[in-house]
Amino acid sequence: MSRIPDIDAFEERVAIAEYDGGLSRSEAENLAARAQGFANADAYWQWL
């Protein structure tokens, strides 16, 4: 991963996925992390 994660975009996508999509927080974080090129939320948070 050569790009710096966009935390604001991550948090916004998580909130939308939870509220509008009905996903759990964990599922929403994984979705948002994948949108930024990470395998999952764990990989995202480890990068930070």
Protein backbone atom coordinates (compact mmCIF):
# COMPACT_ATOMS: atom_id res chain seq x y z
CA MET A 1 0.00 0.00 0.00
CA SER A 2 1.70 3.16 -1.14
CA ARG A 3 -1.13 5.58 -0.50
CA ILE A 4 -1.85 7.25 2.83
CA PRO A 5 -5.25 6.26 4.25
CA ASP A 6 -7.90 8.98 4.32
CA ILE A 7 -9.29 8.75 7.85
CA ASP A 8 -12.15 11.19 7.20
CA ALA A 9 -13.34 9.23 4.16
CA PHE A 10 -12.97 5.98 6.13
CA GLU A 11 -15.12 7.23 9.02
CA GLU A 12 -17.74 8.68 6.67
CA ARG A 13 -18.04 5.43 4.73
CA VAL A 14 -18.31 3.46 7.98
CA ALA A 15 -21.11 5.71 9.24
CA ILE A 16 -23.05 5.48 5.98
CA ALA A 17 -22.64 1.70 5.78
CA GLU A 18 -23.86 1.34 9.37
CA TYR A 19 -26.75 3.76 9.21
CA ASP A 20 -28.01 3.36 5.65
CA GLY A 21 -26.69 -0.11 4.91
CA GLY A 22 -27.58 -1.75 8.20
CA LEU A 23 -24.12 -3.26 8.61
CA SER A 24 -22.49 -3.89 11.96
CA ARG A 25 -19.59 -1.62 12.91
CA SER A 26 -17.13 -4.41 12.14
CA GLU A 27 -18.64 -5.12 8.71
CA ALA A 28 -18.75 -1.40 7.91
CA GLU A 29 -15.08 -0.92 8.89
CA ASN A 30 -14.04 -3.85 6.69
CA LEU A 31 -15.99 -2.36 3.77
CA ALA A 32 -14.41 1.07 4.26
CA ALA A 33 -10.92 -0.42 4.56
CA ARG A 34 -11.34 -2.41 1.35
CA ALA A 35 -12.49 0.77 -0.43
CA GLN A 36 -9.07 2.24 0.38
CA GLY A 37 -7.17 -0.82 -0.81
CA PHE A 38 -6.68 -2.69 2.45
CA ALA A 39 -7.59 -6.33 3.01
CA ASN A 40 -9.72 -5.51 6.05
CA ALA A 41 -10.10 -3.10 8.96
CA ASP A 42 -7.32 -4.81 10.95
CA ALA A 43 -4.85 -4.13 8.14
CA TYR A 44 -6.10 -0.53 7.93
CA TRP A 45 -5.61 0.14 11.64
CA GLN A 46 -2.21 -1.58 11.68
CA TRP A 47 -1.03 0.74 8.90
CA LEU A 48 -2.01 3.75 11.00
